[in-house]
């Protein structure tokens, strides 16, 4: 079931997707990953670029995802 958590998070957060160069991560304010075992997890750094994690957007997305799975066993 590759990408199920990611797909749900993208729907919850109304994400616009695009192919971007890796260099844009150097300018990121927040970065998070999604997985079925970690749900939404803020990242503290990407290579040498340090980030405050979780940031406010990551916290909001994580809360919305937790609420969804708590109320719908099969979202």
N, C-alpha and C. Protein backbone atom coordinates (compact mmCIF):
# COMPACT_ATOMS: atom_id res chain seq x y z
N UNK A 1 0.83 -1.19 0.00
CA UNK A 1 0.00 0.00 0.00
C UNK A 1 0.87 1.25 0.00
N UNK A 2 1.76 1.34 -0.92
CA UNK A 2 2.68 2.47 -0.97
C UNK A 2 1.95 3.79 -1.13
N UNK A 3 2.28 4.74 -0.24
CA UNK A 3 1.78 6.09 -0.38
C UNK A 3 0.39 6.37 0.14
N UNK A 4 -0.22 5.45 0.88
CA UNK A 4 -1.58 5.67 1.38
C UNK A 4 -1.60 6.84 2.36
N UNK A 5 -0.69 6.86 3.32
CA UNK A 5 -0.63 7.95 4.29
C UNK A 5 -0.33 9.26 3.57
N UNK A 6 0.61 9.24 2.66
CA UNK A 6 0.97 10.44 1.90
C UNK A 6 -0.24 10.97 1.14
N UNK A 7 -0.96 10.09 0.48
CA UNK A 7 -2.14 10.51 -0.29
C UNK A 7 -3.18 11.17 0.62
N UNK A 8 -3.44 10.58 1.77
CA UNK A 8 -4.40 11.17 2.71
C UNK A 8 -3.94 12.53 3.22
N UNK A 9 -2.66 12.65 3.54
CA UNK A 9 -2.12 13.93 4.01
C UNK A 9 -2.21 14.98 2.91
N UNK A 10 -1.91 14.60 1.68
CA UNK A 10 -2.02 15.55 0.56
C UNK A 10 -3.44 16.05 0.39
N UNK A 11 -4.41 15.18 0.58
CA UNK A 11 -5.82 15.59 0.50
C UNK A 11 -6.18 16.52 1.66
N UNK A 12 -5.76 16.17 2.87
CA UNK A 12 -6.06 16.99 4.05
C UNK A 12 -5.46 18.38 3.95
N UNK A 13 -4.25 18.47 3.43
CA UNK A 13 -3.51 19.73 3.41
C UNK A 13 -3.72 20.51 2.12
N UNK A 14 -4.52 19.98 1.20
CA UNK A 14 -4.77 20.64 -0.09
C UNK A 14 -3.45 21.01 -0.77
N UNK A 15 -2.64 19.99 -0.98
CA UNK A 15 -1.28 20.14 -1.48
C UNK A 15 -1.27 20.32 -3.00
N UNK A 16 -0.43 21.23 -3.46
CA UNK A 16 -0.12 21.36 -4.89
C UNK A 16 1.22 20.66 -5.09
N UNK A 17 1.29 19.76 -6.05
CA UNK A 17 2.51 19.00 -6.27
C UNK A 17 3.22 19.48 -7.52
N UNK A 18 4.56 19.47 -7.45
CA UNK A 18 5.37 19.89 -8.58
C UNK A 18 6.73 19.22 -8.46
N UNK A 19 7.42 19.08 -9.57
CA UNK A 19 8.79 18.58 -9.56
C UNK A 19 9.71 19.77 -9.34
N UNK A 20 10.48 19.73 -8.28
CA UNK A 20 11.38 20.82 -7.93
C UNK A 20 12.79 20.28 -7.73
N UNK A 21 13.80 21.12 -7.95
CA UNK A 21 15.17 20.66 -7.69
C UNK A 21 15.40 20.50 -6.19
N UNK A 22 16.29 19.60 -5.84
CA UNK A 22 16.59 19.35 -4.43
C UNK A 22 17.09 20.61 -3.72
N UNK A 23 17.65 21.55 -4.45
CA UNK A 23 18.19 22.77 -3.85
C UNK A 23 17.12 23.58 -3.12
N UNK A 24 15.85 23.42 -3.46
CA UNK A 24 14.80 24.19 -2.78
C UNK A 24 14.69 23.78 -1.31
N UNK A 25 15.16 22.61 -0.96
CA UNK A 25 15.12 22.18 0.44
C UNK A 25 15.99 23.07 1.32
N UNK A 26 17.00 23.71 0.73
CA UNK A 26 17.85 24.64 1.49
C UNK A 26 17.08 25.87 1.94
N UNK A 27 15.95 26.15 1.30
CA UNK A 27 15.14 27.32 1.63
C UNK A 27 13.89 26.95 2.43
N UNK A 28 13.71 25.68 2.72
CA UNK A 28 12.49 25.22 3.40
C UNK A 28 12.43 25.68 4.85
N UNK A 29 11.23 26.09 5.27
CA UNK A 29 11.00 26.41 6.68
C UNK A 29 10.63 25.16 7.47
N UNK A 30 9.97 24.22 6.80
CA UNK A 30 9.55 22.97 7.43
C UNK A 30 9.67 21.85 6.42
N UNK A 31 9.96 20.67 6.93
CA UNK A 31 9.98 19.45 6.13
C UNK A 31 9.41 18.34 7.00
N UNK A 32 8.51 17.54 6.42
CA UNK A 32 8.02 16.38 7.16
C UNK A 32 7.92 15.20 6.23
N UNK A 33 7.93 14.02 6.82
CA UNK A 33 7.72 12.80 6.05
C UNK A 33 6.43 12.15 6.51
N UNK A 34 5.90 11.30 5.67
CA UNK A 34 4.71 10.54 6.02
C UNK A 34 5.00 9.07 5.81
N UNK A 35 4.43 8.26 6.68
CA UNK A 35 4.51 6.81 6.51
C UNK A 35 3.43 6.17 7.36
N UNK A 36 3.11 4.95 7.05
CA UNK A 36 2.06 4.26 7.80
C UNK A 36 2.49 3.94 9.22
N UNK A 37 3.79 3.89 9.48
CA UNK A 37 4.27 3.61 10.84
C UNK A 37 4.61 4.88 11.62
N UNK A 38 4.89 5.98 10.93
CA UNK A 38 5.27 7.23 11.60
C UNK A 38 4.21 8.32 11.45
N UNK A 39 3.18 8.07 10.67
CA UNK A 39 2.16 9.08 10.39
C UNK A 39 2.81 10.31 9.78
N UNK A 40 2.76 11.46 10.45
CA UNK A 40 3.39 12.70 9.97
C UNK A 40 4.51 13.04 10.95
N UNK A 41 5.74 13.08 10.46
CA UNK A 41 6.88 13.30 11.35
C UNK A 41 7.75 14.44 10.81
N UNK A 42 7.88 15.50 11.62
CA UNK A 42 8.73 16.63 11.26
C UNK A 42 10.20 16.22 11.23
N UNK A 43 10.94 16.83 10.33
CA UNK A 43 12.36 16.55 10.20
C UNK A 43 13.18 17.72 10.73
N UNK A 44 14.24 17.41 11.48
CA UNK A 44 15.07 18.44 12.10
C UNK A 44 16.15 18.98 11.17
N UNK A 45 16.47 18.22 10.13
CA UNK A 45 17.45 18.74 9.18
C UNK A 45 17.38 17.97 7.88
N UNK A 46 17.84 18.63 6.84
CA UNK A 46 18.03 18.02 5.53
C UNK A 46 19.48 18.31 5.17
N UNK A 47 20.29 17.28 5.12
CA UNK A 47 21.74 17.43 4.96
C UNK A 47 22.24 18.38 6.06
N UNK A 48 22.81 19.52 5.69
CA UNK A 48 23.34 20.45 6.69
C UNK A 48 22.34 21.54 7.06
N UNK A 49 21.20 21.57 6.42
CA UNK A 49 20.18 22.60 6.67
C UNK A 49 19.35 22.19 7.88
N UNK A 50 19.49 22.94 8.98
CA UNK A 50 18.76 22.63 10.22
C UNK A 50 17.40 23.31 10.22
N UNK A 51 16.42 22.61 10.79
CA UNK A 51 15.04 23.09 10.84
C UNK A 51 14.49 22.95 12.25
N UNK A 52 13.59 23.85 12.62
CA UNK A 52 12.84 23.67 13.86
C UNK A 52 11.71 22.69 13.55
N UNK A 53 11.68 21.59 14.26
CA UNK A 53 10.66 20.59 13.96
C UNK A 53 10.04 20.07 15.24
N UNK A 54 8.78 19.84 15.26
CA UNK A 54 7.87 20.16 14.16
C UNK A 54 7.49 21.63 14.17
N UNK A 55 7.31 22.18 12.98
CA UNK A 55 6.86 23.56 12.84
C UNK A 55 5.35 23.62 12.92
N UNK A 56 4.79 24.82 12.84
CA UNK A 56 3.34 24.98 12.99
C UNK A 56 2.52 24.28 11.91
N UNK A 57 3.00 24.27 10.69
CA UNK A 57 2.26 23.59 9.62
C UNK A 57 2.31 22.08 9.84
N UNK A 58 3.48 21.57 10.17
CA UNK A 58 3.62 20.14 10.43
C UNK A 58 2.72 19.72 11.59
N UNK A 59 2.69 20.51 12.66
CA UNK A 59 1.83 20.18 13.80
C UNK A 59 0.36 20.15 13.39
N UNK A 60 -0.07 21.11 12.58
CA UNK A 60 -1.46 21.16 12.15
C UNK A 60 -1.81 19.97 11.25
N UNK A 61 -0.92 19.64 10.33
CA UNK A 61 -1.16 18.49 9.44
C UNK A 61 -1.18 17.20 10.26
N UNK A 62 -0.25 17.05 11.19
CA UNK A 62 -0.21 15.85 12.04
C UNK A 62 -1.49 15.73 12.86
N UNK A 63 -1.97 16.84 13.41
CA UNK A 63 -3.21 16.82 14.20
C UNK A 63 -4.40 16.44 13.33
N UNK A 64 -4.49 17.02 12.14
CA UNK A 64 -5.60 16.71 11.24
C UNK A 64 -5.57 15.24 10.83
N UNK A 65 -4.38 14.71 10.57
CA UNK A 65 -4.26 13.30 10.20
C UNK A 65 -4.65 12.41 11.38
N UNK A 66 -4.17 12.73 12.57
CA UNK A 66 -4.52 11.94 13.76
C UNK A 66 -6.03 11.96 14.00
N UNK A 67 -6.65 13.13 13.83
CA UNK A 67 -8.11 13.22 13.98
C UNK A 67 -8.83 12.34 12.96
N UNK A 68 -8.34 12.35 11.72
CA UNK A 68 -8.96 11.55 10.67
C UNK A 68 -8.90 10.07 11.00
N UNK A 69 -7.72 9.57 11.35
CA UNK A 69 -7.61 8.13 11.61
C UNK A 69 -8.28 7.73 12.91
N UNK A 70 -8.45 8.67 13.83
CA UNK A 70 -9.15 8.36 15.08
C UNK A 70 -10.66 8.22 14.86
N UNK A 71 -11.17 8.90 13.85
CA UNK A 71 -12.62 8.88 13.61
C UNK A 71 -13.02 7.96 12.47
N UNK A 72 -12.07 7.58 11.62
CA UNK A 72 -12.38 6.73 10.47
C UNK A 72 -11.32 5.65 10.35
N UNK A 73 -11.66 4.44 10.74
CA UNK A 73 -10.70 3.33 10.74
C UNK A 73 -10.18 3.01 9.34
N UNK A 74 -10.95 3.35 8.31
CA UNK A 74 -10.56 3.07 6.93
C UNK A 74 -10.79 4.33 6.08
N UNK A 75 -9.93 5.36 6.29
CA UNK A 75 -10.15 6.62 5.57
C UNK A 75 -9.91 6.45 4.10
